[in-house]
């Protein structure tokens, strides 16, 4: 290279990259946020597949074998399923990092989004640690339950980010009647209770994550199936009330009604799947679908909660 030939310096590339970053929520931020949410829900499904196919111990940790990070030809398909879930976790973390980078230029103006983005990333790191501990401790049921609950929380945080990124920063005011806001928060609590009891029910059931792991949480799975249905049907009734109630002020807050209808639709499918699995000895595929639908229900409820208020400066 001649002395007169121009070169591109690293500081110059860095400056161009900083200039490329958005200074407000634009399409790049929205796409990255949606990818992050979809991946958070997807890893609930792949994590369920690991458990429901008895692949929880398919790979050792942190390496799949003492000499290889990846599954080897000598291992069974269980190692591929387990490693596939680990591989997806990398992309979940990558999406979380992408969101953080994309909003970094306006983090002072949107501290709410900055905090939510970092919460997702911290949760991904926590999940990696918990996942490793699960393998080391032979899939202890309470640890498996905690692993799933953290995933559900991250789904909620990712959904909250999406809900907030479409709204301006600053003070917010309620756009729904007080009674409706209270009813929504009660419904969200009942949903959380339903998910929690569902996690305990699965932890008492036959799907331990490995054929040789028989340790369960000690609860009666049959009894918990019935207990699980109580808050589930209560939530369904509350959601019907939310849909009817939101119709009375649909012109002022149309998004609230749309999310309430979406939540009701998810619950209808969830109830159908729940009844099917309970009456057919908990087939793995049905249980996995039930787990993913729970995550979608949490995301939908979160989005609805964040529509109860709007920025004070916004037009009606």
Protein backbone atom coordinates (compact mmCIF):
# COMPACT_ATOMS: atom_id res chain seq x y z
CA UNK A 1 0.00 0.00 0.00
CA UNK A 2 1.47 3.34 -1.02
CA UNK A 3 1.91 6.16 1.43
CA UNK A 4 -0.55 8.30 -0.52
CA UNK A 5 -3.37 5.72 -0.47
CA UNK A 6 -6.11 6.72 2.03
CA UNK A 7 -6.77 4.42 4.93
CA UNK A 8 -9.80 4.07 7.16
CA UNK A 9 -8.87 4.50 10.79
CA UNK A 10 -10.54 2.62 13.60
CA UNK A 11 -11.68 5.86 15.29
CA UNK A 12 -13.28 6.87 11.99
CA UNK A 13 -15.21 3.62 11.76
CA UNK A 14 -16.28 3.96 15.37
CA UNK A 15 -17.52 7.51 14.74
CA UNK A 16 -19.49 6.36 11.70
CA UNK A 17 -21.03 3.59 13.77
CA UNK A 18 -22.05 6.04 16.51
CA UNK A 19 -23.56 8.35 13.92
CA UNK A 20 -25.49 5.41 12.50
CA UNK A 21 -27.13 4.63 15.83
CA UNK A 22 -30.65 6.07 16.19
CA UNK A 23 -31.38 9.03 18.46
CA UNK A 24 -34.99 7.97 18.97
CA UNK A 25 -37.13 4.84 18.71
CA UNK A 26 -37.14 4.01 15.03
CA UNK A 27 -37.73 0.96 12.89
CA UNK A 28 -34.39 -0.59 13.84
CA UNK A 29 -35.23 -0.43 17.54
CA UNK A 30 -38.71 -1.80 16.97
CA UNK A 31 -37.48 -4.73 14.89
CA UNK A 32 -34.76 -5.59 17.42
CA UNK A 33 -37.24 -5.40 20.31
CA UNK A 34 -39.71 -7.69 18.57
CA UNK A 35 -36.97 -10.16 17.69
CA UNK A 36 -35.92 -10.16 21.33
CA UNK A 37 -39.47 -10.90 22.51
CA UNK A 38 -40.01 -13.65 19.93
CA UNK A 39 -36.74 -15.30 20.92
CA UNK A 40 -37.62 -15.08 24.61
CA UNK A 41 -40.86 -16.93 23.87
CA UNK A 42 -39.12 -19.36 21.52
CA UNK A 43 -36.59 -20.39 24.14
CA UNK A 44 -39.48 -21.26 26.46
CA UNK A 45 -40.51 -23.71 23.75
CA UNK A 46 -37.03 -25.17 23.21
CA UNK A 47 -36.49 -25.38 26.96
CA UNK A 48 -39.76 -27.26 27.20
CA UNK A 49 -38.63 -29.57 24.39
CA UNK A 50 -35.46 -30.36 26.35
CA UNK A 51 -37.50 -31.35 29.36
CA UNK A 52 -40.29 -33.16 27.56
CA UNK A 53 -37.97 -35.28 25.40
CA UNK A 54 -35.82 -36.34 28.37
CA UNK A 55 -32.87 -34.40 26.96
CA UNK A 56 -31.99 -32.40 30.05
CA UNK A 57 -28.75 -34.30 30.61
CA UNK A 58 -28.00 -34.83 26.93
CA UNK A 59 -24.95 -32.58 27.21
CA UNK A 60 -22.61 -32.03 30.11
CA UNK A 61 -21.82 -28.47 31.20
CA UNK A 62 -20.11 -26.25 30.21
CA UNK A 63 -18.83 -28.61 27.46
CA UNK A 64 -21.10 -31.16 25.81
CA UNK A 65 -18.40 -33.79 26.33
CA UNK A 66 -15.10 -33.57 28.21
CA UNK A 67 -13.37 -32.84 24.88
CA UNK A 68 -15.99 -31.03 22.81
CA UNK A 69 -18.24 -28.00 23.10
CA UNK A 70 -20.55 -29.52 20.50
CA UNK A 71 -22.45 -32.83 20.45
CA UNK A 72 -20.50 -35.73 18.96
CA UNK A 73 -21.58 -38.54 16.67
CA UNK A 74 -21.41 -40.99 19.55
CA UNK A 75 -24.11 -39.13 21.49
CA UNK A 76 -27.85 -39.57 21.05
CA UNK A 77 -30.34 -37.08 19.66
CA UNK A 78 -30.88 -35.86 23.22
CA UNK A 79 -27.56 -34.03 23.01
CA UNK A 80 -28.70 -32.23 19.86
CA UNK A 81 -31.91 -31.06 21.52
CA UNK A 82 -30.09 -29.87 24.63
CA UNK A 83 -27.36 -28.15 22.62
CA UNK A 84 -29.97 -26.58 20.35
CA UNK A 85 -31.53 -24.91 23.37
CA UNK A 86 -28.11 -23.67 24.47
CA UNK A 87 -27.41 -22.38 20.98
CA UNK A 88 -30.67 -20.45 20.90
CA UNK A 89 -29.76 -18.82 24.22
CA UNK A 90 -26.77 -17.25 22.46
CA UNK A 91 -29.07 -15.55 19.97
CA UNK A 92 -31.40 -14.48 22.79
CA UNK A 93 -28.44 -12.76 24.41
CA UNK A 94 -27.33 -11.28 21.09
CA UNK A 95 -30.79 -9.77 20.55
CA UNK A 96 -30.70 -8.28 24.05
CA UNK A 97 -27.30 -6.72 23.36
CA UNK A 98 -28.56 -5.35 20.03
CA UNK A 99 -31.44 -3.57 21.77
CA UNK A 100 -29.06 -2.06 24.34
CA UNK A 101 -26.71 -0.80 21.63
CA UNK A 102 -29.50 0.63 19.50
CA UNK A 103 -30.98 2.72 22.32
CA UNK A 104 -27.64 3.75 23.84
CA UNK A 105 -27.59 7.15 22.10
CA UNK A 106 -30.85 8.27 23.71
CA UNK A 107 -30.63 6.36 26.97
CA UNK A 108 -30.77 9.58 29.03
CA UNK A 109 -34.06 10.57 27.41
CA UNK A 110 -35.50 7.06 27.74
CA UNK A 111 -34.22 5.72 31.03
CA UNK A 112 -37.25 3.46 31.21
CA UNK A 113 -36.25 1.63 28.01
CA UNK A 114 -32.60 1.57 29.10
CA UNK A 115 -33.52 -0.12 32.40
CA UNK A 116 -35.81 -2.64 30.70
CA UNK A 117 -33.20 -3.55 28.09
CA UNK A 118 -30.51 -4.14 30.70
CA UNK A 119 -32.94 -6.21 32.77
CA UNK A 120 -33.48 -8.55 29.83
CA UNK A 121 -29.73 -8.89 29.27
CA UNK A 122 -29.05 -9.54 32.96
CA UNK A 123 -31.82 -12.14 32.96
CA UNK A 124 -30.25 -13.92 29.99
CA UNK A 125 -26.95 -14.15 31.87
CA UNK A 126 -28.77 -15.45 34.94
CA UNK A 127 -30.49 -18.09 32.84
CA UNK A 128 -27.16 -19.31 31.48
CA UNK A 129 -25.86 -19.78 35.02
CA UNK A 130 -29.04 -21.48 36.23
CA UNK A 131 -29.05 -23.76 33.18
CA UNK A 132 -25.54 -24.93 33.99
CA UNK A 133 -26.40 -25.51 37.63
CA UNK A 134 -29.42 -27.57 36.55
CA UNK A 135 -27.19 -29.99 34.69
CA UNK A 136 -24.64 -30.15 37.51
CA UNK A 137 -27.39 -30.93 40.04
CA UNK A 138 -29.21 -33.50 37.88
CA UNK A 139 -32.29 -31.42 37.07
CA UNK A 140 -33.55 -30.68 40.55
CA UNK A 141 -37.27 -29.94 40.03
CA UNK A 142 -37.28 -26.71 42.04
CA UNK A 143 -34.35 -25.39 40.00
CA UNK A 144 -36.12 -26.35 36.77
CA UNK A 145 -39.20 -24.48 37.97
CA UNK A 146 -37.11 -21.42 38.80
CA UNK A 147 -35.53 -21.63 35.34
CA UNK A 148 -38.98 -21.47 33.72
CA UNK A 149 -40.23 -18.67 35.97
CA UNK A 150 -37.21 -16.51 35.08
CA UNK A 151 -37.98 -17.11 31.40
CA UNK A 152 -41.58 -15.97 31.93
CA UNK A 153 -40.39 -12.84 33.75
CA UNK A 154 -38.05 -12.02 30.86
CA UNK A 155 -40.93 -12.44 28.41
CA UNK A 156 -42.90 -9.92 30.46
CA UNK A 157 -40.00 -7.45 30.55
CA UNK A 158 -39.44 -7.77 26.80
CA UNK A 159 -43.16 -7.19 26.23
CA UNK A 160 -43.05 -4.15 28.53
CA UNK A 161 -40.23 -2.71 26.44
CA UNK A 162 -42.31 -3.05 23.28
CA UNK A 163 -45.31 -1.44 24.95
CA UNK A 164 -43.28 1.49 26.29
CA UNK A 165 -41.21 2.13 23.18
CA UNK A 166 -44.34 3.24 21.35
CA UNK A 167 -45.12 5.86 23.98
CA UNK A 168 -43.39 9.12 24.75
CA UNK A 169 -41.31 9.53 27.88
CA UNK A 170 -42.48 11.56 30.85
CA UNK A 171 -45.44 11.60 33.24
CA UNK A 172 -48.36 9.35 32.43
CA UNK A 173 -52.07 9.52 33.15
CA UNK A 174 -54.71 6.82 33.30
CA UNK A 175 -56.94 6.56 30.23
CA UNK A 176 -59.31 3.94 31.59
CA UNK A 177 -61.79 4.10 34.47
CA UNK A 178 -60.34 3.37 37.88
CA UNK A 179 -62.46 0.24 38.28
CA UNK A 180 -61.12 -1.15 35.02
CA UNK A 181 -57.50 -0.53 36.04
CA UNK A 182 -58.11 -2.34 39.33
CA UNK A 183 -59.80 -5.23 37.51
CA UNK A 184 -56.83 -5.47 35.12
CA UNK A 185 -54.31 -5.62 37.94
CA UNK A 186 -56.36 -8.26 39.73
CA UNK A 187 -56.44 -10.27 36.50
CA UNK A 188 -52.67 -9.97 36.10
CA UNK A 189 -52.21 -11.28 39.65
CA UNK A 190 -54.50 -14.23 38.93
CA UNK A 191 -52.54 -14.94 35.75
CA UNK A 192 -49.29 -14.97 37.74
CA UNK A 193 -50.89 -17.33 40.27
CA UNK A 194 -52.12 -19.60 37.48
CA UNK A 195 -48.64 -19.80 35.95
CA UNK A 196 -47.03 -20.47 39.33
CA UNK A 197 -49.39 -23.33 40.18
CA UNK A 198 -48.93 -24.66 36.66
CA UNK A 199 -45.17 -24.73 37.20
CA UNK A 200 -45.64 -26.64 40.44
CA UNK A 201 -47.98 -29.06 38.68
CA UNK A 202 -45.40 -29.77 35.99
CA UNK A 203 -42.74 -30.19 38.66
CA UNK A 204 -44.85 -32.90 40.26
CA UNK A 205 -45.71 -34.63 37.00
CA UNK A 206 -43.94 -37.30 34.95
CA UNK A 207 -41.73 -35.06 32.79
CA UNK A 208 -38.51 -34.75 34.76
CA UNK A 209 -36.19 -33.91 31.87
CA UNK A 210 -34.32 -37.22 31.83
CA UNK A 211 -35.44 -40.85 31.89
CA UNK A 212 -33.17 -41.61 34.84
CA UNK A 213 -34.24 -38.62 36.92
CA UNK A 214 -37.19 -39.56 39.12
CA UNK A 215 -36.94 -36.83 41.75
CA UNK A 216 -40.02 -34.57 41.75
CA UNK A 217 -41.13 -31.72 44.01
CA UNK A 218 -43.20 -33.91 46.31
CA UNK A 219 -46.65 -32.53 45.49
CA UNK A 220 -49.59 -34.62 44.32
CA UNK A 221 -49.75 -33.93 40.57
CA UNK A 222 -53.38 -35.04 40.24
CA UNK A 223 -54.48 -32.72 43.04
CA UNK A 224 -52.47 -29.83 41.61
CA UNK A 225 -54.13 -30.29 38.22
CA UNK A 226 -57.46 -29.47 39.84
CA UNK A 227 -56.01 -26.63 41.93
CA UNK A 228 -54.40 -25.20 38.79
CA UNK A 229 -57.77 -25.05 37.06
CA UNK A 230 -59.32 -22.82 39.75
CA UNK A 231 -57.31 -19.64 39.05
CA UNK A 232 -57.27 -20.52 35.34
CA UNK A 233 -61.06 -20.41 35.07
CA UNK A 234 -61.17 -17.36 37.34
CA UNK A 235 -58.79 -15.63 34.95
CA UNK A 236 -60.98 -16.60 32.01
CA UNK A 237 -64.04 -15.06 33.68
CA UNK A 238 -62.09 -11.91 34.57
CA UNK A 239 -60.86 -11.60 30.99
CA UNK A 240 -64.41 -11.78 29.66
CA UNK A 241 -65.27 -8.97 32.05
CA UNK A 242 -62.27 -7.00 30.75
CA UNK A 243 -63.39 -7.39 27.15
CA UNK A 244 -66.93 -6.29 27.98
CA UNK A 245 -65.69 -3.44 30.16
CA UNK A 246 -63.21 -2.20 27.55
CA UNK A 247 -66.01 -1.95 25.01
CA UNK A 248 -67.55 0.88 27.04
CA UNK A 249 -64.57 3.18 26.39
CA UNK A 250 -63.19 1.67 23.19
CA UNK A 251 -63.11 5.07 21.48
CA UNK A 252 -60.85 6.55 24.17
CA UNK A 253 -58.52 3.54 24.50
CA UNK A 254 -58.92 1.19 21.52
CA UNK A 255 -55.61 -0.59 22.22
CA UNK A 256 -56.87 -1.77 25.61
CA UNK A 257 -59.82 -3.52 24.03
CA UNK A 258 -57.67 -5.09 21.32
CA UNK A 259 -55.24 -6.53 23.87
CA UNK A 260 -58.12 -7.78 26.04
CA UNK A 261 -59.59 -9.62 23.06
CA UNK A 262 -56.16 -11.02 22.23
CA UNK A 263 -55.75 -12.25 25.80
CA UNK A 264 -59.16 -13.91 25.69
CA UNK A 265 -58.24 -15.69 22.45
CA UNK A 266 -54.99 -17.01 23.95
CA UNK A 267 -56.84 -18.24 27.03
CA UNK A 268 -59.43 -20.09 24.95
CA UNK A 269 -56.68 -22.01 23.18
CA UNK A 270 -54.84 -22.52 26.45
CA UNK A 271 -57.91 -23.98 28.15
CA UNK A 272 -58.50 -26.35 25.22
CA UNK A 273 -54.89 -27.55 25.31
CA UNK A 274 -55.01 -27.89 29.10
CA UNK A 275 -58.12 -30.05 28.99
CA UNK A 276 -56.64 -32.18 26.23
CA UNK A 277 -53.38 -32.84 28.05
CA UNK A 278 -55.10 -33.56 31.36
CA UNK A 279 -57.35 -36.16 29.75
CA UNK A 280 -54.65 -37.82 27.66
CA UNK A 281 -51.93 -38.51 30.25
CA UNK A 282 -49.95 -35.33 29.58
CA UNK A 283 -48.57 -35.92 26.06
CA UNK A 284 -45.26 -34.06 25.72
CA UNK A 285 -46.27 -31.98 22.68
CA UNK A 286 -49.43 -30.72 24.37
CA UNK A 287 -47.50 -29.85 27.53
CA UNK A 288 -44.95 -27.94 25.47
CA UNK A 289 -47.66 -25.98 23.66
CA UNK A 290 -49.25 -25.22 27.03
CA UNK A 291 -45.94 -23.80 28.29
CA UNK A 292 -45.49 -21.56 25.25
CA UNK A 293 -49.10 -20.34 25.42
CA UNK A 294 -48.52 -19.35 29.04
CA UNK A 295 -45.61 -17.18 27.92
CA UNK A 296 -47.73 -15.59 25.19
CA UNK A 297 -50.52 -14.92 27.70
CA UNK A 298 -48.05 -13.18 30.01
CA UNK A 299 -46.73 -11.04 27.15
CA UNK A 300 -50.27 -10.10 26.12
CA UNK A 301 -51.31 -9.21 29.65
CA UNK A 302 -48.17 -7.11 30.10
CA UNK A 303 -48.88 -5.18 26.92
CA UNK A 304 -52.43 -4.56 28.09
CA UNK A 305 -51.32 -3.28 31.50
CA UNK A 306 -49.02 -0.77 29.84
CA UNK A 307 -51.91 0.56 27.76
CA UNK A 308 -53.85 1.64 30.85
CA UNK A 309 -51.91 4.91 30.91
CA UNK A 310 -50.60 7.31 28.28
CA UNK A 311 -48.17 10.23 28.34
CA UNK A 312 -49.76 13.34 29.80
CA UNK A 313 -48.91 15.36 26.70
CA UNK A 314 -50.57 12.91 24.31
CA UNK A 315 -53.79 13.82 22.54
CA UNK A 316 -56.93 11.94 23.39
